[in-house]
Amino acid sequence: SAAEAAACGGRIVAGAATDQLTGVPDTLDEVVTAYAEQVAFVQDCGAT
C-alpha cells in the first residue's frame, strides 16, 4: 500500500501495534520492543 501511495501521490498512514507477540509477554520491555519494530517498519515503508 505504501508503494501504491507513492506511485499515485496518495496520503497514507499505517498502524503499528504489538500483535507480533503471542500471548501476554513477561515484561513491559517486550512490549516496547514490539512497538519499536512495527513503528520502524511502517516508517521505513514511507508511511506515517
All heavy atoms as atom14 arrays in JSON, in Angstrom:
{
  "sequence": "SAAEAAACGGRIVAGAATDQLTGVPDTLDEVVTAYAEQVAFVQDCGAT",
  "atom14_mask": [
    [1, 1, 1, 1, 1, 1, 0, 0, 0, 0, 0, 0, 0, 0],
    [1, 1, 1, 1, 1, 0, 0, 0, 0, 0, 0, 0, 0, 0],
    [1, 1, 1, 1, 1, 0, 0, 0, 0, 0, 0, 0, 0, 0],
    [1, 1, 1, 1, 1, 1, 1, 1, 1, 0, 0, 0, 0, 0],
    [1, 1, 1, 1, 1, 0, 0, 0, 0, 0, 0, 0, 0, 0],
    [1, 1, 1, 1, 1, 0, 0, 0, 0, 0, 0, 0, 0, 0],
    [1, 1, 1, 1, 1, 0, 0, 0, 0, 0, 0, 0, 0, 0],
    [1, 1, 1, 1, 1, 1, 0, 0, 0, 0, 0, 0, 0, 0],
    [1, 1, 1, 1, 0, 0, 0, 0, 0, 0, 0, 0, 0, 0],
    [1, 1, 1, 1, 0, 0, 0, 0, 0, 0, 0, 0, 0, 0],
    [1, 1, 1, 1, 1, 1, 1, 1, 1, 1, 1, 0, 0, 0],
    [1, 1, 1, 1, 1, 1, 1, 1, 0, 0, 0, 0, 0, 0],
    [1, 1, 1, 1, 1, 1, 1, 0, 0, 0, 0, 0, 0, 0],
    [1, 1, 1, 1, 1, 0, 0, 0, 0, 0, 0, 0, 0, 0],
    [1, 1, 1, 1, 0, 0, 0, 0, 0, 0, 0, 0, 0, 0],
    [1, 1, 1, 1, 1, 0, 0, 0, 0, 0, 0, 0, 0, 0],
    [1, 1, 1, 1, 1, 0, 0, 0, 0, 0, 0, 0, 0, 0],
    [1, 1, 1, 1, 1, 1, 1, 0, 0, 0, 0, 0, 0, 0],
    [1, 1, 1, 1, 1, 1, 1, 1, 0, 0, 0, 0, 0, 0],
    [1, 1, 1, 1, 1, 1, 1, 1, 1, 0, 0, 0, 0, 0],
    [1, 1, 1, 1, 1, 1, 1, 1, 0, 0, 0, 0, 0, 0],
    [1, 1, 1, 1, 1, 1, 1, 0, 0, 0, 0, 0, 0, 0],
    [1, 1, 1, 1, 0, 0, 0, 0, 0, 0, 0, 0, 0, 0],
    [1, 1, 1, 1, 1, 1, 1, 0, 0, 0, 0, 0, 0, 0],
    [1, 1, 1, 1, 1, 1, 1, 0, 0, 0, 0, 0, 0, 0],
    [1, 1, 1, 1, 1, 1, 1, 1, 0, 0, 0, 0, 0, 0],
    [1, 1, 1, 1, 1, 1, 1, 0, 0, 0, 0, 0, 0, 0],
    [1, 1, 1, 1, 1, 1, 1, 1, 0, 0, 0, 0, 0, 0],
    [1, 1, 1, 1, 1, 1, 1, 1, 0, 0, 0, 0, 0, 0],
    [1, 1, 1, 1, 1, 1, 1, 1, 1, 0, 0, 0, 0, 0],
    [1, 1, 1, 1, 1, 1, 1, 0, 0, 0, 0, 0, 0, 0],
    [1, 1, 1, 1, 1, 1, 1, 0, 0, 0, 0, 0, 0, 0],
    [1, 1, 1, 1, 1, 1, 1, 0, 0, 0, 0, 0, 0, 0],
    [1, 1, 1, 1, 1, 0, 0, 0, 0, 0, 0, 0, 0, 0],
    [1, 1, 1, 1, 1, 1, 1, 1, 1, 1, 1, 1, 0, 0],
    [1, 1, 1, 1, 1, 0, 0, 0, 0, 0, 0, 0, 0, 0],
    [1, 1, 1, 1, 1, 1, 1, 1, 1, 0, 0, 0, 0, 0],
    [1, 1, 1, 1, 1, 1, 1, 1, 1, 0, 0, 0, 0, 0],
    [1, 1, 1, 1, 1, 1, 1, 0, 0, 0, 0, 0, 0, 0],
    [1, 1, 1, 1, 1, 0, 0, 0, 0, 0, 0, 0, 0, 0],
    [1, 1, 1, 1, 1, 1, 1, 1, 1, 1, 1, 0, 0, 0],
    [1, 1, 1, 1, 1, 1, 1, 0, 0, 0, 0, 0, 0, 0],
    [1, 1, 1, 1, 1, 1, 1, 1, 1, 0, 0, 0, 0, 0],
    [1, 1, 1, 1, 1, 1, 1, 1, 0, 0, 0, 0, 0, 0],
    [1, 1, 1, 1, 1, 1, 0, 0, 0, 0, 0, 0, 0, 0],
    [1, 1, 1, 1, 0, 0, 0, 0, 0, 0, 0, 0, 0, 0],
    [1, 1, 1, 1, 1, 0, 0, 0, 0, 0, 0, 0, 0, 0],
    [1, 1, 1, 1, 1, 1, 1, 0, 0, 0, 0, 0, 0, 0]
  ],
  "atom14_positions": [
    [[0.82, -1.22, 0.0], [0.0, 0.0, 0.0], [0.85, 1.26, 0.0], [0.52, 2.25, -0.67], [-0.94, 0.01, 1.21], [-1.92, -0.99, 1.08], [0.0, 0.0, 0.0], [0.0, 0.0, 0.0], [0.0, 0.0, 0.0], [0.0, 0.0, 0.0], [0.0, 0.0, 0.0], [0.0, 0.0, 0.0], [0.0, 0.0, 0.0], [0.0, 0.0, 0.0]],
    [[1.94, 1.24, 0.75], [2.83, 2.4, 0.76], [3.43, 2.62, -0.62], [3.59, 3.78, -1.07], [3.93, 2.21, 1.8], [0.0, 0.0, 0.0], [0.0, 0.0, 0.0], [0.0, 0.0, 0.0], [0.0, 0.0, 0.0], [0.0, 0.0, 0.0], [0.0, 0.0, 0.0], [0.0, 0.0, 0.0], [0.0, 0.0, 0.0], [0.0, 0.0, 0.0]],
    [[3.77, 1.56, -1.32], [4.3, 1.69, -2.68], [3.24, 2.26, -3.62], [3.54, 3.11, -4.47], [4.8, 0.33, -3.18], [0.0, 0.0, 0.0], [0.0, 0.0, 0.0], [0.0, 0.0, 0.0], [0.0, 0.0, 0.0], [0.0, 0.0, 0.0], [0.0, 0.0, 0.0], [0.0, 0.0, 0.0], [0.0, 0.0, 0.0], [0.0, 0.0, 0.0]],
    [[2.0, 1.8, -3.49], [0.91, 2.34, -4.3], [0.69, 3.82, -4.01], [0.47, 4.62, -4.92], [-0.38, 1.56, -4.02], [-0.4, 0.14, -4.54], [-0.68, 0.07, -6.03], [-1.27, 1.02, -6.59], [-0.29, -0.94, -6.64], [0.0, 0.0, 0.0], [0.0, 0.0, 0.0], [0.0, 0.0, 0.0], [0.0, 0.0, 0.0], [0.0, 0.0, 0.0]],
    [[0.77, 4.18, -2.73], [0.58, 5.59, -2.34], [1.66, 6.46, -2.97], [1.39, 7.55, -3.49], [0.6, 5.73, -0.83], [0.0, 0.0, 0.0], [0.0, 0.0, 0.0], [0.0, 0.0, 0.0], [0.0, 0.0, 0.0], [0.0, 0.0, 0.0], [0.0, 0.0, 0.0], [0.0, 0.0, 0.0], [0.0, 0.0, 0.0], [0.0, 0.0, 0.0]],
    [[2.9, 5.98, -2.93], [4.0, 6.75, -3.52], [3.81, 6.91, -5.02], [4.11, 7.97, -5.59], [5.33, 6.06, -3.2], [0.0, 0.0, 0.0], [0.0, 0.0, 0.0], [0.0, 0.0, 0.0], [0.0, 0.0, 0.0], [0.0, 0.0, 0.0], [0.0, 0.0, 0.0], [0.0, 0.0, 0.0], [0.0, 0.0, 0.0], [0.0, 0.0, 0.0]],
    [[3.28, 5.88, -5.66], [3.12, 5.92, -7.11], [2.04, 6.9, -7.54], [2.16, 7.52, -8.61], [2.79, 4.52, -7.63], [0.0, 0.0, 0.0], [0.0, 0.0, 0.0], [0.0, 0.0, 0.0], [0.0, 0.0, 0.0], [0.0, 0.0, 0.0], [0.0, 0.0, 0.0], [0.0, 0.0, 0.0], [0.0, 0.0, 0.0], [0.0, 0.0, 0.0]],
    [[1.01, 7.06, -6.73], [-0.1, 7.93, -7.14], [-0.15, 9.24, -6.36], [-1.04, 10.07, -6.59], [-1.43, 7.2, -7.0], [-2.01, 6.96, -5.3], [0.0, 0.0, 0.0], [0.0, 0.0, 0.0], [0.0, 0.0, 0.0], [0.0, 0.0, 0.0], [0.0, 0.0, 0.0], [0.0, 0.0, 0.0], [0.0, 0.0, 0.0], [0.0, 0.0, 0.0]],
    [[0.8, 9.43, -5.44], [0.8, 10.66, -4.65], [-0.27, 10.69, -3.57], [-0.67, 11.76, -3.11], [0.0, 0.0, 0.0], [0.0, 0.0, 0.0], [0.0, 0.0, 0.0], [0.0, 0.0, 0.0], [0.0, 0.0, 0.0], [0.0, 0.0, 0.0], [0.0, 0.0, 0.0], [0.0, 0.0, 0.0], [0.0, 0.0, 0.0], [0.0, 0.0, 0.0]],
    [[-0.75, 9.52, -3.14], [-1.79, 9.45, -2.13], [-1.23, 9.55, -0.73], [-0.11, 9.13, -0.45], [0.0, 0.0, 0.0], [0.0, 0.0, 0.0], [0.0, 0.0, 0.0], [0.0, 0.0, 0.0], [0.0, 0.0, 0.0], [0.0, 0.0, 0.0], [0.0, 0.0, 0.0], [0.0, 0.0, 0.0], [0.0, 0.0, 0.0], [0.0, 0.0, 0.0]],
    [[-2.04, 10.1, 0.15], [-1.65, 10.2, 1.55], [-1.88, 8.86, 2.25], [-2.9, 8.2, 2.01], [-2.48, 11.3, 2.23], [-2.01, 11.67, 3.63], [-3.01, 12.62, 4.27], [-3.07, 13.91, 3.62], [-2.36, 14.98, 3.98], [-1.52, 14.88, 5.01], [-2.48, 16.13, 3.35], [0.0, 0.0, 0.0], [0.0, 0.0, 0.0], [0.0, 0.0, 0.0]],
    [[-0.94, 8.45, 3.13], [-1.09, 7.17, 3.81], [-0.52, 7.22, 5.22], [0.53, 7.83, 5.46], [-0.43, 6.02, 3.02], [-0.76, 4.65, 3.64], [1.06, 6.21, 2.86], [-0.39, 3.46, 2.78], [0.0, 0.0, 0.0], [0.0, 0.0, 0.0], [0.0, 0.0, 0.0], [0.0, 0.0, 0.0], [0.0, 0.0, 0.0], [0.0, 0.0, 0.0]],
    [[-1.24, 6.64, 6.15], [-0.73, 6.31, 7.47], [-0.97, 4.82, 7.67], [-1.79, 4.22, 6.98], [-1.44, 7.11, 8.59], [-1.19, 8.6, 8.45], [-2.94, 6.82, 8.62], [0.0, 0.0, 0.0], [0.0, 0.0, 0.0], [0.0, 0.0, 0.0], [0.0, 0.0, 0.0], [0.0, 0.0, 0.0], [0.0, 0.0, 0.0], [0.0, 0.0, 0.0]],
    [[-0.25, 4.21, 8.6], [-0.4, 2.77, 8.8], [-0.23, 2.41, 10.27], [0.58, 3.02, 10.97], [0.6, 2.0, 7.94], [0.0, 0.0, 0.0], [0.0, 0.0, 0.0], [0.0, 0.0, 0.0], [0.0, 0.0, 0.0], [0.0, 0.0, 0.0], [0.0, 0.0, 0.0], [0.0, 0.0, 0.0], [0.0, 0.0, 0.0], [0.0, 0.0, 0.0]],
    [[-0.97, 1.41, 10.69], [-0.99, 1.02, 12.09], [0.26, 0.27, 12.52], [0.73, -0.64, 11.83], [0.0, 0.0, 0.0], [0.0, 0.0, 0.0], [0.0, 0.0, 0.0], [0.0, 0.0, 0.0], [0.0, 0.0, 0.0], [0.0, 0.0, 0.0], [0.0, 0.0, 0.0], [0.0, 0.0, 0.0], [0.0, 0.0, 0.0], [0.0, 0.0, 0.0]],
    [[0.78, 0.67, 13.68], [1.89, -0.04, 14.33], [1.4, -0.48, 15.69], [0.97, 0.35, 16.51], [3.1, 0.88, 14.47], [0.0, 0.0, 0.0], [0.0, 0.0, 0.0], [0.0, 0.0, 0.0], [0.0, 0.0, 0.0], [0.0, 0.0, 0.0], [0.0, 0.0, 0.0], [0.0, 0.0, 0.0], [0.0, 0.0, 0.0], [0.0, 0.0, 0.0]],
    [[1.46, -1.77, 15.95], [0.94, -2.32, 17.2], [1.96, -3.27, 17.8], [3.17, -3.1, 17.6], [-0.4, -3.01, 16.94], [0.0, 0.0, 0.0], [0.0, 0.0, 0.0], [0.0, 0.0, 0.0], [0.0, 0.0, 0.0], [0.0, 0.0, 0.0], [0.0, 0.0, 0.0], [0.0, 0.0, 0.0], [0.0, 0.0, 0.0], [0.0, 0.0, 0.0]],
    [[1.49, -4.26, 18.54], [2.39, -5.24, 19.15], [1.88, -6.66, 18.89], [2.17, -7.58, 19.65], [2.49, -5.01, 20.68], [1.18, -5.16, 21.27], [3.01, -3.62, 20.99], [0.0, 0.0, 0.0], [0.0, 0.0, 0.0], [0.0, 0.0, 0.0], [0.0, 0.0, 0.0], [0.0, 0.0, 0.0], [0.0, 0.0, 0.0], [0.0, 0.0, 0.0]],
    [[1.12, -6.82, 17.8], [0.46, -8.09, 17.57], [1.35, -9.17, 16.99], [0.88, -10.27, 16.67], [-0.8, -7.91, 16.72], [-0.56, -7.11, 15.44], [0.49, -6.46, 15.33], [-1.44, -7.13, 14.57], [0.0, 0.0, 0.0], [0.0, 0.0, 0.0], [0.0, 0.0, 0.0], [0.0, 0.0, 0.0], [0.0, 0.0, 0.0], [0.0, 0.0, 0.0]],
    [[2.66, -8.9, 16.84], [3.58, -9.99, 16.51], [3.88, -10.84, 17.75], [4.42, -11.94, 17.64], [4.88, -9.46, 15.89], [5.84, -8.75, 16.84], [5.58, -7.27, 16.95], [4.46, -6.87, 17.21], [6.62, -6.46, 16.76], [0.0, 0.0, 0.0], [0.0, 0.0, 0.0], [0.0, 0.0, 0.0], [0.0, 0.0, 0.0], [0.0, 0.0, 0.0]],
    [[3.55, -10.32, 18.92], [3.7, -11.09, 20.16], [2.57, -12.1, 20.28], [1.43, -11.83, 19.9], [3.67, -10.15, 21.38], [4.77, -9.08, 21.45], [4.52, -8.16, 22.64], [6.15, -9.72, 21.56], [0.0, 0.0, 0.0], [0.0, 0.0, 0.0], [0.0, 0.0, 0.0], [0.0, 0.0, 0.0], [0.0, 0.0, 0.0], [0.0, 0.0, 0.0]],
    [[2.88, -13.25, 20.83], [1.86, -14.27, 21.07], [1.63, -14.39, 22.57], [2.58, -14.55, 23.33], [2.28, -15.62, 20.49], [3.53, -16.01, 21.06], [2.43, -15.53, 18.98], [0.0, 0.0, 0.0], [0.0, 0.0, 0.0], [0.0, 0.0, 0.0], [0.0, 0.0, 0.0], [0.0, 0.0, 0.0], [0.0, 0.0, 0.0], [0.0, 0.0, 0.0]],
    [[0.39, -14.29, 22.97], [0.08, -14.36, 24.38], [0.49, -13.09, 25.1], [0.83, -12.08, 24.5], [0.0, 0.0, 0.0], [0.0, 0.0, 0.0], [0.0, 0.0, 0.0], [0.0, 0.0, 0.0], [0.0, 0.0, 0.0], [0.0, 0.0, 0.0], [0.0, 0.0, 0.0], [0.0, 0.0, 0.0], [0.0, 0.0, 0.0], [0.0, 0.0, 0.0]],
    [[0.44, -13.14, 26.42], [0.82, -12.0, 27.25], [2.32, -12.05, 27.52], [2.83, -13.06, 28.0], [0.04, -12.0, 28.58], [0.45, -10.81, 29.44], [-1.47, -11.98, 28.32], [0.0, 0.0, 0.0], [0.0, 0.0, 0.0], [0.0, 0.0, 0.0], [0.0, 0.0, 0.0], [0.0, 0.0, 0.0], [0.0, 0.0, 0.0], [0.0, 0.0, 0.0]],
    [[3.06, -11.0, 27.18], [4.51, -11.02, 27.41], [4.84, -11.01, 28.89], [3.99, -10.68, 29.74], [4.98, -9.74, 26.71], [3.8, -8.84, 26.72], [2.6, -9.73, 26.59], [0.0, 0.0, 0.0], [0.0, 0.0, 0.0], [0.0, 0.0, 0.0], [0.0, 0.0, 0.0], [0.0, 0.0, 0.0], [0.0, 0.0, 0.0], [0.0, 0.0, 0.0]],
    [[6.07, -11.29, 29.2], [6.5, -11.32, 30.6], [6.85, -9.94, 31.12], [6.71, -9.67, 32.32], [7.72, -12.24, 30.75], [7.4, -13.69, 30.47], [6.29, -14.12, 30.82], [8.25, -14.39, 29.88], [0.0, 0.0, 0.0], [0.0, 0.0, 0.0], [0.0, 0.0, 0.0], [0.0, 0.0, 0.0], [0.0, 0.0, 0.0], [0.0, 0.0, 0.0]],
    [[7.31, -9.06, 30.23], [7.79, -7.76, 30.69], [7.3, -6.64, 29.77], [6.99, -6.86, 28.59], [9.33, -7.7, 30.72], [9.82, -7.77, 29.37], [9.9, -8.86, 31.53], [0.0, 0.0, 0.0], [0.0, 0.0, 0.0], [0.0, 0.0, 0.0], [0.0, 0.0, 0.0], [0.0, 0.0, 0.0], [0.0, 0.0, 0.0], [0.0, 0.0, 0.0]],
    [[7.29, -5.42, 30.32], [6.95, -4.25, 29.52], [8.0, -3.99, 28.44], [7.68, -3.45, 27.39], [6.82, -3.02, 30.42], [5.65, -3.02, 31.41], [5.73, -1.8, 32.32], [4.31, -3.05, 30.67], [0.0, 0.0, 0.0], [0.0, 0.0, 0.0], [0.0, 0.0, 0.0], [0.0, 0.0, 0.0], [0.0, 0.0, 0.0], [0.0, 0.0, 0.0]],
    [[9.23, -4.38, 28.68], [10.28, -4.18, 27.69], [9.96, -4.91, 26.39], [10.3, -4.45, 25.29], [11.63, -4.66, 28.23], [12.22, -3.71, 29.26], [11.76, -2.53, 29.31], [13.13, -4.12, 30.0], [0.0, 0.0, 0.0], [0.0, 0.0, 0.0], [0.0, 0.0, 0.0], [0.0, 0.0, 0.0], [0.0, 0.0, 0.0], [0.0, 0.0, 0.0]],
    [[9.31, -6.07, 26.49], [8.93, -6.8, 25.29], [7.89, -6.02, 24.49], [7.9, -6.06, 23.25], [8.38, -8.18, 25.67], [9.4, -9.12, 26.29], [8.77, -10.41, 26.76], [8.34, -11.2, 25.9], [8.67, -10.62, 27.99], [0.0, 0.0, 0.0], [0.0, 0.0, 0.0], [0.0, 0.0, 0.0], [0.0, 0.0, 0.0], [0.0, 0.0, 0.0]],
    [[7.0, -5.35, 25.19], [6.0, -4.52, 24.51], [6.69, -3.35, 23.8], [6.39, -3.04, 22.65], [4.95, -4.0, 25.51], [3.94, -3.09, 24.81], [4.22, -5.17, 26.18], [0.0, 0.0, 0.0], [0.0, 0.0, 0.0], [0.0, 0.0, 0.0], [0.0, 0.0, 0.0], [0.0, 0.0, 0.0], [0.0, 0.0, 0.0], [0.0, 0.0, 0.0]],
    [[7.63, -2.72, 24.48], [8.38, -1.61, 23.88], [9.09, -2.07, 22.63], [9.04, -1.41, 21.57], [9.38, -1.02, 24.89], [10.29, 0.0, 24.21], [8.66, -0.39, 26.07], [0.0, 0.0, 0.0], [0.0, 0.0, 0.0], [0.0, 0.0, 0.0], [0.0, 0.0, 0.0], [0.0, 0.0, 0.0], [0.0, 0.0, 0.0], [0.0, 0.0, 0.0]],
    [[9.75, -3.21, 22.71], [10.49, -3.74, 21.56], [9.56, -4.04, 20.39], [9.88, -3.75, 19.23], [11.27, -5.0, 21.96], [12.2, -4.68, 22.99], [12.01, -5.6, 20.78], [0.0, 0.0, 0.0], [0.0, 0.0, 0.0], [0.0, 0.0, 0.0], [0.0, 0.0, 0.0], [0.0, 0.0, 0.0], [0.0, 0.0, 0.0], [0.0, 0.0, 0.0]],
    [[8.4, -4.61, 20.69], [7.43, -4.93, 19.63], [6.91, -3.66, 18.97], [6.83, -3.58, 17.73], [6.29, -5.75, 20.21], [0.0, 0.0, 0.0], [0.0, 0.0, 0.0], [0.0, 0.0, 0.0], [0.0, 0.0, 0.0], [0.0, 0.0, 0.0], [0.0, 0.0, 0.0], [0.0, 0.0, 0.0], [0.0, 0.0, 0.0], [0.0, 0.0, 0.0]],
    [[6.55, -2.68, 19.78], [6.12, -1.39, 19.22], [7.21, -0.8, 18.34], [6.95, -0.33, 17.22], [5.8, -0.41, 20.35], [4.35, -0.26, 20.72], [3.96, -0.15, 22.06], [3.35, -0.16, 19.75], [2.63, 0.02, 22.43], [2.02, 0.01, 20.1], [1.66, 0.1, 21.44], [0.35, 0.28, 21.79], [0.0, 0.0, 0.0], [0.0, 0.0, 0.0]],
    [[8.42, -0.76, 18.85], [9.53, -0.13, 18.12], [9.75, -0.81, 16.78], [10.02, -0.15, 15.76], [10.8, -0.18, 18.96], [0.0, 0.0, 0.0], [0.0, 0.0, 0.0], [0.0, 0.0, 0.0], [0.0, 0.0, 0.0], [0.0, 0.0, 0.0], [0.0, 0.0, 0.0], [0.0, 0.0, 0.0], [0.0, 0.0, 0.0], [0.0, 0.0, 0.0]],
    [[9.65, -2.13, 16.75], [9.82, -2.87, 15.5], [8.77, -2.45, 14.47], [9.1, -2.19, 13.3], [9.71, -4.38, 15.76], [9.78, -5.22, 14.49], [9.41, -6.68, 14.71], [9.24, -7.1, 15.88], [9.28, -7.4, 13.7], [0.0, 0.0, 0.0], [0.0, 0.0, 0.0], [0.0, 0.0, 0.0], [0.0, 0.0, 0.0], [0.0, 0.0, 0.0]],
    [[7.53, -2.36, 14.9], [6.47, -2.05, 13.95], [6.5, -0.59, 13.52], [6.26, -0.28, 12.34], [5.1, -2.42, 14.54], [4.91, -3.91, 14.72], [3.45, -4.33, 14.7], [2.58, -3.58, 14.29], [3.19, -5.55, 15.15], [0.0, 0.0, 0.0], [0.0, 0.0, 0.0], [0.0, 0.0, 0.0], [0.0, 0.0, 0.0], [0.0, 0.0, 0.0]],
    [[6.79, 0.33, 14.45], [6.9, 1.74, 14.08], [8.01, 1.92, 13.05], [7.83, 2.61, 12.03], [7.15, 2.63, 15.32], [7.53, 4.05, 14.9], [5.92, 2.67, 16.22], [0.0, 0.0, 0.0], [0.0, 0.0, 0.0], [0.0, 0.0, 0.0], [0.0, 0.0, 0.0], [0.0, 0.0, 0.0], [0.0, 0.0, 0.0], [0.0, 0.0, 0.0]],
    [[9.15, 1.3, 13.28], [10.27, 1.4, 12.35], [9.9, 0.82, 10.99], [10.26, 1.39, 9.94], [11.5, 0.7, 12.92], [0.0, 0.0, 0.0], [0.0, 0.0, 0.0], [0.0, 0.0, 0.0], [0.0, 0.0, 0.0], [0.0, 0.0, 0.0], [0.0, 0.0, 0.0], [0.0, 0.0, 0.0], [0.0, 0.0, 0.0], [0.0, 0.0, 0.0]],
    [[9.18, -0.3, 10.99], [8.78, -0.91, 9.72], [7.88, 0.02, 8.93], [8.08, 0.23, 7.72], [8.07, -2.25, 9.97], [7.6, -2.91, 8.71], [8.47, -3.67, 7.96], [6.3, -2.74, 8.27], [8.05, -4.26, 6.76], [5.87, -3.32, 7.08], [6.75, -4.08, 6.33], [0.0, 0.0, 0.0], [0.0, 0.0, 0.0], [0.0, 0.0, 0.0]],
    [[6.88, 0.59, 9.59], [5.94, 1.5, 8.91], [6.71, 2.69, 8.33], [6.52, 3.08, 7.17], [4.84, 1.97, 9.87], [4.03, 3.11, 9.26], [3.91, 0.81, 10.25], [0.0, 0.0, 0.0], [0.0, 0.0, 0.0], [0.0, 0.0, 0.0], [0.0, 0.0, 0.0], [0.0, 0.0, 0.0], [0.0, 0.0, 0.0], [0.0, 0.0, 0.0]],
    [[7.57, 3.29, 9.14], [8.3, 4.46, 8.68], [9.27, 4.13, 7.56], [9.43, 4.9, 6.61], [9.01, 5.11, 9.86], [8.03, 5.71, 10.88], [8.69, 6.26, 12.11], [9.82, 5.89, 12.45], [8.01, 7.16, 12.81], [0.0, 0.0, 0.0], [0.0, 0.0, 0.0], [0.0, 0.0, 0.0], [0.0, 0.0, 0.0], [0.0, 0.0, 0.0]],
    [[9.91, 2.96, 7.62], [10.82, 2.55, 6.56], [10.07, 2.34, 5.24], [10.66, 2.51, 4.16], [11.54, 1.25, 6.94], [12.6, 1.47, 8.01], [12.94, 2.63, 8.28], [13.06, 0.45, 8.59], [0.0, 0.0, 0.0], [0.0, 0.0, 0.0], [0.0, 0.0, 0.0], [0.0, 0.0, 0.0], [0.0, 0.0, 0.0], [0.0, 0.0, 0.0]],
    [[8.78, 2.0, 5.33], [7.98, 1.82, 4.11], [7.51, 3.15, 3.54], [6.97, 3.19, 2.43], [6.76, 0.93, 4.41], [7.16, -0.82, 4.64], [0.0, 0.0, 0.0], [0.0, 0.0, 0.0], [0.0, 0.0, 0.0], [0.0, 0.0, 0.0], [0.0, 0.0, 0.0], [0.0, 0.0, 0.0], [0.0, 0.0, 0.0], [0.0, 0.0, 0.0]],
    [[7.7, 4.23, 4.28], [7.32, 5.55, 3.79], [5.98, 6.06, 4.26], [5.48, 7.05, 3.73], [0.0, 0.0, 0.0], [0.0, 0.0, 0.0], [0.0, 0.0, 0.0], [0.0, 0.0, 0.0], [0.0, 0.0, 0.0], [0.0, 0.0, 0.0], [0.0, 0.0, 0.0], [0.0, 0.0, 0.0], [0.0, 0.0, 0.0], [0.0, 0.0, 0.0]],
    [[5.39, 5.4, 5.25], [4.1, 5.83, 5.79], [4.28, 6.46, 7.17], [5.3, 6.23, 7.84], [3.15, 4.64, 5.89], [0.0, 0.0, 0.0], [0.0, 0.0, 0.0], [0.0, 0.0, 0.0], [0.0, 0.0, 0.0], [0.0, 0.0, 0.0], [0.0, 0.0, 0.0], [0.0, 0.0, 0.0], [0.0, 0.0, 0.0], [0.0, 0.0, 0.0]],
    [[3.31, 7.24, 7.58], [3.27, 7.75, 8.94], [2.71, 6.67, 9.85], [1.7, 6.04, 9.53], [2.37, 9.0, 9.03], [2.97, 10.05, 8.26], [2.21, 9.47, 10.46], [0.0, 0.0, 0.0], [0.0, 0.0, 0.0], [0.0, 0.0, 0.0], [0.0, 0.0, 0.0], [0.0, 0.0, 0.0], [0.0, 0.0, 0.0], [0.0, 0.0, 0.0]]
  ]
}
